[in-house]
Amino acid sequence: MPIVWSSSYNTGVRSIDLQHQELIEMINALDAIRGRPIDQQALGFLMNQLGQYVVFHFGHEEALMEQIFVPPQFKEEHLKAHAAFTAQVQAQSSRLLSNGGAGALDSLVEYLNAWLLNHIKQTDMELAERLNKSRPGRMW
């Protein structure tokens, strides 16, 4: 089921929110091909696009964390979450592209949906709160 952007996902950091919306569009594009014959070339393109955008987005969040004081434990946990997600997406992408099974696509889309929404509502909301408190009124 596609994700519909909701104001409950707004972190208050415009750059992060816009990137989250882009990630959701990419995940929804994967969701849209579930239940259809899989075009491996199109799927490969979508997975490559998602992988590159995830690296960009995580790099952006990590760069923002460098601009303010973030407790070392929070930063470490955030970076570990990014690394674990990236590794999981790469592993599932490889499995999907080599097997081409619809079950693998279902599993990947469900994982992406659950992880991203959970990450936004917990970790990224906390990061945004720290950013906004550190420099009130600044457009991140």
C-alpha atoms as a PDB file:
ATOM      1  CA  MET A   1       0.000   0.000   0.000  1.00  0.00           C
ATOM      2  CA  PRO A   2       1.465   3.359  -0.959  1.00  0.00           C
ATOM      3  CA  ILE A   3       2.433   5.884   1.676  1.00  0.00           C
ATOM      4  CA  VAL A   4       0.458   9.115   1.629  1.00  0.00           C
ATOM      5  CA  TRP A   5       2.404  12.069   2.995  1.00  0.00           C
ATOM      6  CA  SER A   6       0.860  13.410   6.150  1.00  0.00           C
ATOM      7  CA  SER A   7       1.612  16.465   8.235  1.00  0.00           C
ATOM      8  CA  SER A   8       2.466  14.056  11.053  1.00  0.00           C
ATOM      9  CA  TYR A   9       5.670  13.295   9.113  1.00  0.00           C
ATOM     10  CA  ASN A  10       6.761  16.955   9.048  1.00  0.00           C
ATOM     11  CA  THR A  11       9.906  17.435  11.078  1.00  0.00           C
ATOM     12  CA  GLY A  12       9.957  21.201  10.733  1.00  0.00           C
ATOM     13  CA  VAL A  13      13.245  21.025   8.821  1.00  0.00           C
ATOM     14  CA  ARG A  14      12.291  21.806   5.247  1.00  0.00           C
ATOM     15  CA  SER A  15      15.249  20.129   3.564  1.00  0.00           C
ATOM     16  CA  ILE A  16      14.678  16.889   5.457  1.00  0.00           C
ATOM     17  CA  ASP A  17      10.924  16.955   4.841  1.00  0.00           C
ATOM     18  CA  LEU A  18      11.380  17.481   1.097  1.00  0.00           C
ATOM     19  CA  GLN A  19      13.864  14.622   0.949  1.00  0.00           C
ATOM     20  CA  HIS A  20      11.527  12.354   2.910  1.00  0.00           C
ATOM     21  CA  GLN A  21       8.771  13.142   0.421  1.00  0.00           C
ATOM     22  CA  GLU A  22      11.111  12.210  -2.436  1.00  0.00           C
ATOM     23  CA  LEU A  23      12.006   8.927  -0.718  1.00  0.00           C
ATOM     24  CA  ILE A  24       8.321   8.161  -0.263  1.00  0.00           C
ATOM     25  CA  GLU A  25       7.708   8.783  -3.973  1.00  0.00           C
ATOM     26  CA  MET A  26      10.474   6.315  -4.827  1.00  0.00           C
ATOM     27  CA  ILE A  27       9.104   3.690  -2.451  1.00  0.00           C
ATOM     28  CA  ASN A  28       5.630   4.263  -3.869  1.00  0.00           C
ATOM     29  CA  ALA A  29       7.029   3.716  -7.375  1.00  0.00           C
ATOM     30  CA  LEU A  30       8.277   0.308  -6.218  1.00  0.00           C
ATOM     31  CA  ASP A  31       4.933  -0.375  -4.585  1.00  0.00           C
ATOM     32  CA  ALA A  32       3.150   0.455  -7.841  1.00  0.00           C
ATOM     33  CA  ILE A  33       4.866  -2.389  -9.699  1.00  0.00           C
ATOM     34  CA  ARG A  34       3.977  -5.043  -7.136  1.00  0.00           C
ATOM     35  CA  GLY A  35       1.637  -7.674  -8.496  1.00  0.00           C
ATOM     36  CA  ARG A  36       2.723  -7.053 -12.082  1.00  0.00           C
ATOM     37  CA  PRO A  37       5.251  -8.860 -14.241  1.00  0.00           C
ATOM     38  CA  ILE A  38       8.592  -7.447 -13.170  1.00  0.00           C
ATOM     39  CA  ASP A  39      10.643  -5.576 -15.758  1.00  0.00           C
ATOM     40  CA  GLN A  40      14.163  -6.204 -14.454  1.00  0.00           C
ATOM     41  CA  GLN A  41      15.594  -3.165 -16.248  1.00  0.00           C
ATOM     42  CA  ALA A  42      12.998  -0.797 -14.771  1.00  0.00           C
ATOM     43  CA  LEU A  43      13.384  -2.410 -11.375  1.00  0.00           C
ATOM     44  CA  GLY A  44      17.161  -2.055 -11.560  1.00  0.00           C
ATOM     45  CA  PHE A  45      16.761   1.624 -12.430  1.00  0.00           C
ATOM     46  CA  LEU A  46      14.393   2.230  -9.495  1.00  0.00           C
ATOM     47  CA  MET A  47      16.661   0.389  -7.060  1.00  0.00           C
ATOM     48  CA  ASN A  48      19.725   2.297  -8.256  1.00  0.00           C
ATOM     49  CA  GLN A  49      17.864   5.598  -7.959  1.00  0.00           C
ATOM     50  CA  LEU A  50      16.682   4.725  -4.452  1.00  0.00           C
ATOM     51  CA  GLY A  51      20.133   3.609  -3.355  1.00  0.00           C
ATOM     52  CA  GLN A  52      21.779   6.809  -4.576  1.00  0.00           C
ATOM     53  CA  TYR A  53      19.117   9.003  -3.022  1.00  0.00           C
ATOM     54  CA  VAL A  54      19.365   7.237   0.327  1.00  0.00           C
ATOM     55  CA  VAL A  55      23.114   7.919   0.403  1.00  0.00           C
ATOM     56  CA  PHE A  56      22.469  11.582  -0.469  1.00  0.00           C
ATOM     57  CA  HIS A  57      19.734  11.959   2.152  1.00  0.00           C
ATOM     58  CA  PHE A  58      21.689  10.283   4.932  1.00  0.00           C
ATOM     59  CA  GLY A  59      24.729  12.379   4.055  1.00  0.00           C
ATOM     60  CA  HIS A  60      22.584  15.502   4.363  1.00  0.00           C
ATOM     61  CA  GLU A  61      21.291  14.501   7.797  1.00  0.00           C
ATOM     62  CA  GLU A  62      24.796  13.620   8.946  1.00  0.00           C
ATOM     63  CA  ALA A  63      26.119  16.988   7.711  1.00  0.00           C
ATOM     64  CA  LEU A  64      23.377  18.770   9.667  1.00  0.00           C
ATOM     65  CA  MET A  65      24.379  16.871  12.798  1.00  0.00           C
ATOM     66  CA  GLU A  66      27.911  18.223  12.382  1.00  0.00           C
ATOM     67  CA  GLN A  67      26.608  21.808  12.543  1.00  0.00           C
ATOM     68  CA  ILE A  68      25.209  21.537  16.058  1.00  0.00           C
ATOM     69  CA  PHE A  69      25.972  19.779  19.293  1.00  0.00           C
ATOM     70  CA  VAL A  70      24.498  16.306  19.213  1.00  0.00           C
ATOM     71  CA  PRO A  71      25.162  13.945  22.098  1.00  0.00           C
ATOM     72  CA  PRO A  72      27.637  11.290  20.945  1.00  0.00           C
ATOM     73  CA  GLN A  73      25.240   8.437  21.740  1.00  0.00           C
ATOM     74  CA  PHE A  74      22.453   9.968  19.616  1.00  0.00           C
ATOM     75  CA  LYS A  75      24.838  10.574  16.734  1.00  0.00           C
ATOM     76  CA  GLU A  76      26.270   7.059  16.968  1.00  0.00           C
ATOM     77  CA  GLU A  77      22.812   5.463  17.033  1.00  0.00           C
ATOM     78  CA  HIS A  78      21.643   7.612  14.109  1.00  0.00           C
ATOM     79  CA  LEU A  79      24.698   6.690  12.035  1.00  0.00           C
ATOM     80  CA  LYS A  80      24.274   3.002  12.900  1.00  0.00           C
ATOM     81  CA  ALA A  81      20.629   3.161  11.822  1.00  0.00           C
ATOM     82  CA  HIS A  82      21.660   4.697   8.506  1.00  0.00           C
ATOM     83  CA  ALA A  83      24.339   2.059   7.939  1.00  0.00           C
ATOM     84  CA  ALA A  84      22.003  -0.808   8.847  1.00  0.00           C
ATOM     85  CA  PHE A  85      19.286   0.504   6.555  1.00  0.00           C
ATOM     86  CA  THR A  86      21.702   0.977   3.661  1.00  0.00           C
ATOM     87  CA  ALA A  87      23.081  -2.539   4.103  1.00  0.00           C
ATOM     88  CA  GLN A  88      19.588  -4.036   4.311  1.00  0.00           C
ATOM     89  CA  VAL A  89      18.421  -2.222   1.171  1.00  0.00           C
ATOM     90  CA  GLN A  90      21.542  -3.344  -0.702  1.00  0.00           C
ATOM     91  CA  ALA A  91      21.078  -6.958   0.398  1.00  0.00           C
ATOM     92  CA  GLN A  92      17.379  -7.038  -0.458  1.00  0.00           C
ATOM     93  CA  SER A  93      18.026  -5.247  -3.744  1.00  0.00           C
ATOM     94  CA  SER A  94      20.657  -7.801  -4.752  1.00  0.00           C
ATOM     95  CA  ARG A  95      18.328 -10.651  -3.847  1.00  0.00           C
ATOM     96  CA  LEU A  96      15.453  -9.051  -5.721  1.00  0.00           C
ATOM     97  CA  LEU A  97      17.464  -8.343  -8.849  1.00  0.00           C
ATOM     98  CA  SER A  98      19.034 -11.807  -8.920  1.00  0.00           C
ATOM     99  CA  ASN A  99      15.849 -13.760  -8.135  1.00  0.00           C
ATOM    100  CA  GLY A 100      13.301 -11.413  -9.648  1.00  0.00           C
ATOM    101  CA  GLY A 101      10.598 -12.778  -7.382  1.00  0.00           C
ATOM    102  CA  ALA A 102       7.477 -10.850  -6.482  1.00  0.00           C
ATOM    103  CA  GLY A 103       7.808 -12.062  -2.885  1.00  0.00           C
ATOM    104  CA  ALA A 104      11.171 -10.338  -2.629  1.00  0.00           C
ATOM    105  CA  LEU A 105       9.643  -7.094  -3.922  1.00  0.00           C
ATOM    106  CA  ASP A 106       6.783  -7.335  -1.430  1.00  0.00           C
ATOM    107  CA  SER A 107       9.259  -7.889   1.388  1.00  0.00           C
ATOM    108  CA  LEU A 108      11.405  -4.965   0.291  1.00  0.00           C
ATOM    109  CA  VAL A 109       8.505  -2.508  -0.038  1.00  0.00           C
ATOM    110  CA  GLU A 110       7.097  -3.512   3.340  1.00  0.00           C
ATOM    111  CA  TYR A 111      10.529  -3.100   4.938  1.00  0.00           C
ATOM    112  CA  LEU A 112      11.069   0.311   3.311  1.00  0.00           C
ATOM    113  CA  ASN A 113       7.636   1.577   4.365  1.00  0.00           C
ATOM    114  CA  ALA A 114       7.949   0.458   7.964  1.00  0.00           C
ATOM    115  CA  TRP A 115      11.548   1.540   8.432  1.00  0.00           C
ATOM    116  CA  LEU A 116      11.217   4.981   6.876  1.00  0.00           C
ATOM    117  CA  LEU A 117       8.048   5.958   8.727  1.00  0.00           C
ATOM    118  CA  ASN A 118       9.440   4.692  12.030  1.00  0.00           C
ATOM    119  CA  HIS A 119      12.736   6.499  11.441  1.00  0.00           C
ATOM    120  CA  ILE A 120      10.985   9.753  10.557  1.00  0.00           C
ATOM    121  CA  LYS A 121       8.676   9.679  13.560  1.00  0.00           C
ATOM    122  CA  GLN A 122      11.405   8.831  16.039  1.00  0.00           C
ATOM    123  CA  THR A 123      15.008   9.548  15.147  1.00  0.00           C
ATOM    124  CA  ASP A 124      14.484  12.296  12.577  1.00  0.00           C
ATOM    125  CA  MET A 125      11.926  14.117  14.724  1.00  0.00           C
ATOM    126  CA  GLU A 126      14.484  14.185  17.519  1.00  0.00           C
ATOM    127  CA  LEU A 127      17.193  15.430  15.169  1.00  0.00           C
ATOM    128  CA  ALA A 128      14.874  18.150  13.866  1.00  0.00           C
ATOM    129  CA  GLU A 129      14.007  19.211  17.398  1.00  0.00           C
ATOM    130  CA  ARG A 130      17.707  19.533  18.205  1.00  0.00           C
ATOM    131  CA  LEU A 131      18.351  21.499  15.000  1.00  0.00           C
ATOM    132  CA  ASN A 132      15.451  23.871  15.583  1.00  0.00           C
ATOM    133  CA  LYS A 133      16.359  24.450  19.245  1.00  0.00           C
ATOM    134  CA  SER A 134      20.003  25.091  18.423  1.00  0.00           C
ATOM    135  CA  ARG A 135      19.248  27.897  15.984  1.00  0.00           C
ATOM    136  CA  PRO A 136      15.630  29.064  16.256  1.00  0.00           C
ATOM    137  CA  GLY A 137      14.238  30.574  13.102  1.00  0.00           C
ATOM    138  CA  ARG A 138      16.951  29.176  10.850  1.00  0.00           C
ATOM    139  CA  MET A 139      15.822  27.511   7.649  1.00  0.00           C
ATOM    140  CA  TRP A 140      17.669  24.229   7.508  1.00  0.00           C
END
